[in-house]
Protein backbone atom coordinates (compact mmCIF):
# COMPACT_ATOMS: atom_id res chain seq x y z
CA MET A 1 -49.95 -50.86 -275.69
CA PRO A 2 -48.20 -48.47 -278.11
CA TYR A 3 -46.54 -45.28 -276.91
CA LYS A 4 -44.66 -42.59 -278.82
CA THR A 5 -42.20 -40.25 -277.12
CA VAL A 6 -42.64 -36.58 -278.00
CA GLY A 7 -40.61 -34.17 -275.87
CA ASP A 8 -41.36 -34.92 -272.21
CA CYS A 9 -44.48 -36.89 -273.18
CA SER A 10 -44.96 -40.59 -273.63
CA ILE A 11 -48.13 -40.47 -275.70
CA TYR A 12 -50.44 -43.47 -275.58
CA TYR A 13 -52.34 -44.07 -278.80
CA GLU A 14 -54.46 -46.54 -280.72
CA ASP A 15 -53.55 -47.18 -284.38
CA ILE A 16 -56.26 -48.96 -286.37
CA GLY A 17 -56.85 -49.41 -290.09
CA VAL A 18 -55.06 -48.62 -293.33
CA GLY A 19 -55.10 -45.68 -295.72
CA ASP A 20 -54.56 -41.96 -295.36
CA PRO A 21 -54.21 -41.02 -291.68
CA ILE A 22 -56.93 -39.42 -289.58
CA LEU A 23 -55.84 -38.00 -286.24
CA PHE A 24 -58.84 -38.16 -283.90
CA LEU A 25 -58.56 -35.55 -281.13
CA HIS A 26 -60.68 -36.34 -278.09
CA GLY A 27 -62.89 -34.23 -275.87
CA GLY A 28 -62.26 -32.99 -272.35
CA TYR A 29 -62.29 -35.48 -269.45
CA SER A 30 -62.00 -38.27 -272.02
CA ARG A 31 -59.57 -40.40 -274.03
CA GLY A 32 -59.10 -41.03 -277.74
CA ILE A 33 -60.63 -44.49 -277.83
CA ILE A 34 -63.60 -43.36 -275.71
CA SER A 35 -64.50 -40.13 -277.51
CA PHE A 36 -64.40 -41.88 -280.90
CA SER A 37 -65.46 -45.46 -280.21
CA GLY A 38 -68.30 -44.96 -282.70
CA GLN A 39 -66.01 -43.92 -285.53
CA ILE A 40 -63.52 -46.81 -285.63
CA GLN A 41 -65.68 -49.42 -287.38
CA PRO A 42 -66.99 -47.12 -290.15
CA PHE A 43 -63.60 -45.49 -290.82
CA PHE A 44 -60.83 -48.08 -290.46
CA HIS A 45 -61.51 -49.87 -293.77
CA THR A 46 -60.61 -46.71 -295.69
CA TYR A 47 -58.43 -44.67 -293.32
CA ARG A 48 -55.68 -45.21 -290.80
CA CYS A 49 -57.29 -44.11 -287.53
CA LEU A 50 -54.94 -42.74 -284.86
CA LEU A 51 -56.46 -42.02 -281.46
CA PRO A 52 -53.96 -40.53 -278.98
CA ASP A 53 -54.55 -39.61 -275.35
CA PHE A 54 -53.58 -35.99 -274.73
CA ARG A 55 -50.99 -34.69 -272.30
CA GLY A 56 -52.61 -34.84 -268.85
CA HIS A 57 -55.21 -37.38 -269.99
CA GLY A 58 -55.75 -41.12 -270.05
CA ARG A 59 -52.67 -43.32 -270.30
CA THR A 60 -50.28 -40.64 -271.54
CA HIS A 61 -47.40 -39.79 -269.20
CA SER A 62 -45.56 -36.47 -269.05
CA GLU A 63 -43.02 -34.91 -266.71
CA ASP A 64 -44.93 -31.63 -266.73
CA LYS A 65 -48.41 -32.29 -265.37
CA GLU A 66 -49.77 -28.94 -266.53
CA TRP A 67 -51.39 -28.79 -269.93
CA SER A 68 -53.30 -26.45 -272.23
CA THR A 69 -54.83 -26.48 -275.70
CA PRO A 70 -51.69 -24.93 -277.29
CA ALA A 71 -49.40 -27.38 -275.45
CA ILE A 72 -51.47 -30.34 -276.63
CA ALA A 73 -51.46 -28.99 -280.20
CA ASN A 74 -47.68 -28.78 -280.04
CA ASP A 75 -47.53 -32.38 -278.81
CA MET A 76 -49.74 -33.49 -281.69
CA ALA A 77 -47.48 -31.76 -284.22
CA GLY A 78 -44.58 -33.71 -282.74
CA PHE A 79 -46.65 -36.90 -282.84
CA ILE A 80 -47.36 -36.43 -286.56
CA THR A 81 -43.65 -35.94 -287.20
CA GLU A 82 -42.46 -38.83 -285.03
CA MET A 83 -45.01 -41.19 -286.59
CA ASN A 84 -43.99 -40.09 -290.12
CA LEU A 85 -47.64 -39.54 -291.00
CA GLY A 86 -47.21 -36.85 -293.63
CA LYS A 87 -50.37 -34.78 -294.13
CA VAL A 88 -53.28 -35.85 -291.94
CA HIS A 89 -56.99 -35.30 -291.66
CA LEU A 90 -57.99 -33.93 -288.24
CA VAL A 91 -61.26 -34.84 -286.54
CA GLY A 92 -61.59 -33.00 -283.24
CA TYR A 93 -64.39 -33.12 -280.70
CA SER A 94 -65.00 -30.35 -278.13
CA LEU A 95 -61.57 -29.75 -276.51
CA GLY A 96 -60.10 -31.70 -279.42
CA GLY A 97 -61.76 -29.30 -281.84
CA GLY A 98 -59.83 -26.44 -280.29
CA VAL A 99 -56.65 -28.52 -280.45
CA ALA A 100 -57.33 -29.20 -284.15
CA LEU A 101 -57.75 -25.49 -284.91
CA HIS A 102 -54.57 -24.57 -283.03
CA LEU A 103 -52.59 -27.36 -284.66
CA ALA A 104 -53.78 -26.50 -288.17
CA SER A 105 -53.18 -22.77 -287.71
CA LYS A 106 -49.60 -23.29 -286.53
CA HIS A 107 -48.71 -26.16 -288.88
CA PRO A 108 -50.97 -25.87 -291.95
CA GLU A 109 -48.46 -27.83 -294.02
CA MET A 110 -49.26 -30.93 -291.94
CA ILE A 111 -53.03 -30.83 -292.37
CA ARG A 112 -55.17 -32.13 -295.24
CA SER A 113 -58.55 -31.23 -293.70
CA ILE A 114 -60.24 -30.33 -290.41
CA THR A 115 -63.53 -31.64 -289.03
CA VAL A 116 -64.63 -29.97 -285.80
CA ILE A 117 -67.49 -31.31 -283.67
CA GLY A 118 -69.00 -29.41 -280.75
CA CYS A 119 -66.46 -26.57 -280.69
CA SER A 120 -67.16 -22.96 -281.63
CA GLY A 121 -63.58 -21.79 -282.01
CA PHE A 122 -63.72 -19.04 -279.39
CA ALA A 123 -63.12 -18.97 -275.64
CA ASP A 124 -66.33 -19.12 -273.60
CA SER A 125 -66.15 -19.57 -269.83
CA THR A 126 -69.84 -20.45 -269.47
CA GLY A 127 -70.14 -23.54 -267.28
CA ALA A 128 -66.46 -23.77 -266.32
CA ASP A 129 -67.12 -22.87 -262.67
CA ASP A 130 -69.32 -25.94 -262.29
CA TYR A 131 -66.35 -28.19 -263.06
CA GLU A 132 -63.95 -26.77 -260.50
CA PRO A 133 -63.19 -29.54 -257.94
CA GLU A 134 -64.81 -27.62 -255.07
CA ALA A 135 -68.03 -27.27 -257.08
CA LEU A 136 -68.06 -30.96 -257.97
CA ILE A 137 -67.69 -31.93 -254.31
CA LYS A 138 -70.33 -29.41 -253.19
CA ASN A 139 -72.78 -30.59 -255.85
CA GLY A 140 -72.32 -34.26 -255.06
CA GLN A 141 -70.77 -35.21 -258.41
CA SER A 142 -69.19 -38.34 -256.95
CA LYS A 143 -69.58 -40.43 -260.12
CA LEU A 144 -67.74 -37.86 -262.24
CA ILE A 145 -65.03 -37.49 -259.60
CA GLU A 146 -64.50 -41.25 -259.51
CA LEU A 147 -64.42 -41.37 -263.32
CA ILE A 148 -61.73 -38.68 -263.46
CA LYS A 149 -59.73 -40.47 -260.76
CA THR A 150 -59.72 -43.80 -262.59
CA MET A 151 -59.70 -42.80 -266.27
CA HIS A 152 -56.81 -40.37 -265.96
CA ASN A 153 -54.83 -41.84 -263.07
CA ASP A 154 -51.87 -42.74 -265.30
CA ALA A 155 -51.65 -39.12 -266.43
CA HIS A 156 -52.29 -37.19 -263.21
CA GLY A 157 -51.05 -39.72 -260.67
CA GLY A 158 -54.19 -39.45 -258.55
CA ASP A 159 -54.25 -35.65 -258.31
CA TRP A 160 -57.71 -35.31 -259.82
CA GLN A 161 -58.29 -31.86 -258.31
CA SER A 162 -55.33 -30.34 -260.16
CA PHE A 163 -56.57 -32.05 -263.32
CA MET A 164 -60.01 -30.44 -262.97
CA ARG A 165 -58.55 -27.01 -262.18
CA GLN A 166 -56.38 -27.26 -265.29
CA SER A 167 -59.42 -28.27 -267.34
CA ALA A 168 -61.46 -25.32 -266.08
CA LEU A 169 -58.59 -22.91 -266.77
CA ASP A 170 -58.22 -24.19 -270.33
CA TRP A 171 -62.00 -23.96 -270.81
CA ARG A 172 -61.90 -20.26 -269.95
CA ARG A 173 -58.89 -19.39 -272.13
CA TYR A 174 -59.15 -21.41 -275.31
CA PRO A 175 -59.46 -22.12 -278.23
CA GLY A 176 -58.78 -18.38 -278.55
CA ILE A 177 -57.62 -18.47 -282.18
CA THR A 178 -56.15 -15.10 -283.28
CA GLY A 179 -56.70 -13.20 -286.50
CA GLU A 180 -53.34 -14.27 -287.88
CA ASP A 181 -54.09 -17.88 -287.00
CA TRP A 182 -57.43 -17.79 -288.78
CA ALA A 183 -55.66 -16.64 -291.95
CA ASN A 184 -53.64 -19.88 -291.96
CA LEU A 185 -56.74 -22.07 -291.94
CA THR A 186 -57.21 -22.44 -295.68
CA MET A 187 -57.61 -26.23 -295.83
CA PRO A 188 -61.04 -27.91 -296.26
CA MET A 189 -63.04 -27.50 -293.06
CA PHE A 190 -66.25 -29.11 -291.79
CA LEU A 191 -67.95 -27.64 -288.71
CA ILE A 192 -70.53 -29.86 -287.02
CA ARG A 193 -72.85 -28.78 -284.21
CA GLY A 194 -75.80 -30.48 -282.62
CA GLU A 195 -78.86 -28.24 -282.70
CA LYS A 196 -79.20 -28.47 -278.91
CA ASP A 197 -75.49 -28.19 -278.09
CA THR A 198 -75.13 -25.63 -275.28
CA PHE A 199 -71.32 -25.54 -275.51
CA ALA A 200 -70.88 -24.52 -279.16
CA SER A 201 -73.02 -21.65 -280.38
CA GLU A 202 -74.28 -21.41 -283.95
CA ASP A 203 -73.38 -17.71 -283.99
CA ASN A 204 -69.72 -18.52 -283.38
CA LEU A 205 -69.74 -21.13 -286.13
CA LEU A 206 -71.04 -18.49 -288.52
CA ILE A 207 -68.20 -16.19 -287.47
CA MET A 208 -65.77 -19.02 -288.14
CA GLN A 209 -67.27 -19.49 -291.58
CA ALA A 210 -66.92 -15.76 -292.27
CA LEU A 211 -63.23 -16.02 -291.35
CA CYS A 212 -62.73 -19.26 -293.30
CA SER A 213 -64.99 -19.01 -296.33
CA GLN A 214 -64.32 -22.61 -297.40
CA ALA A 215 -65.80 -23.96 -294.15
CA GLU A 216 -68.95 -26.03 -294.41
CA ILE A 217 -71.40 -25.93 -291.48
CA TRP A 218 -73.84 -28.68 -290.55
CA ILE A 219 -76.32 -28.14 -287.72
CA VAL A 220 -77.58 -31.60 -286.84
CA PRO A 221 -81.32 -31.47 -286.07
CA GLY A 222 -82.06 -32.56 -282.52
CA GLY A 223 -78.40 -33.26 -281.79
CA GLY A 224 -76.59 -32.43 -278.57
CA HIS A 225 -72.96 -31.94 -277.62
CA ARG A 226 -72.11 -35.62 -278.26
CA VAL A 227 -73.83 -35.72 -281.63
CA HIS A 228 -71.21 -38.04 -283.20
CA MET A 229 -71.55 -40.70 -280.53
CA PRO A 230 -73.68 -43.84 -280.95
CA MET A 231 -76.22 -42.74 -278.34
CA GLU A 232 -76.99 -39.64 -280.43
CA GLN A 233 -76.70 -39.53 -284.24
CA GLY A 234 -73.43 -41.33 -284.85
CA LYS A 235 -74.48 -43.11 -288.05
CA ALA A 236 -75.61 -39.93 -289.82
CA VAL A 237 -72.57 -37.97 -288.62
CA ASN A 238 -70.19 -40.70 -289.76
CA GLU A 239 -71.74 -40.74 -293.22
CA ARG A 240 -71.40 -36.98 -293.56
CA ILE A 241 -67.80 -36.91 -292.34
CA LEU A 242 -66.81 -39.72 -294.71
CA ALA A 243 -68.44 -37.86 -297.61
CA PHE A 244 -66.60 -34.68 -296.63
CA LEU A 245 -63.25 -36.48 -296.42
CA ALA A 246 -63.80 -38.04 -299.84
CA SER A 247 -64.51 -34.59 -301.29
CA THR A 248 -61.08 -33.31 -300.24
CA TYR A 249 -59.25 -35.39 -302.86
């Protein structure tokens, strides 16, 4: 099991394939290999696929158990440097989309392109209250609680309630990209949203496109928040992302 030390973090990651590197940035409550299980087979013949677990998530260990989108973005910049990756493509889903935007805005020299799935680029607290630990207990979400306990035990040491509070706090505050940050996002950008995604509004994607005129938007008909996953429209999404990546050369 490969790990890379970055600051106080021992980052667990999967490294599959050959070619120019793609850094896959996973969604909330998830891990790299889980959020992007449907992308490995189509991508690894052409690209080197790197799938890290974030600070506070999965098998990654850190001295500081608190985390945020900016902190994770900083970790990922260190990961790129420590792995000697050079310029990378970013593919970020949900939380990982916000991480991708933060990372690219602070370190544009590291980034070849950005693909964002299910993330509107602006803070929106809608739904965060439902994922506070007290709400999960009250609403009988025992399966989700058990999943968080087991999937992220290495990272949070069994303190799933602090993990969920941190997740809800990050949900309310980020991505929160500033005007100056938007100006740094000049690299090729592909914004993907499922038509029925309730977490990433089309209006916000249009604002992002107005701020980053090179950004391409694709609203996937009938798609939901997990539009890139096999149970939704993974095949079509993979084909479009691969075509976008090829167009950046």
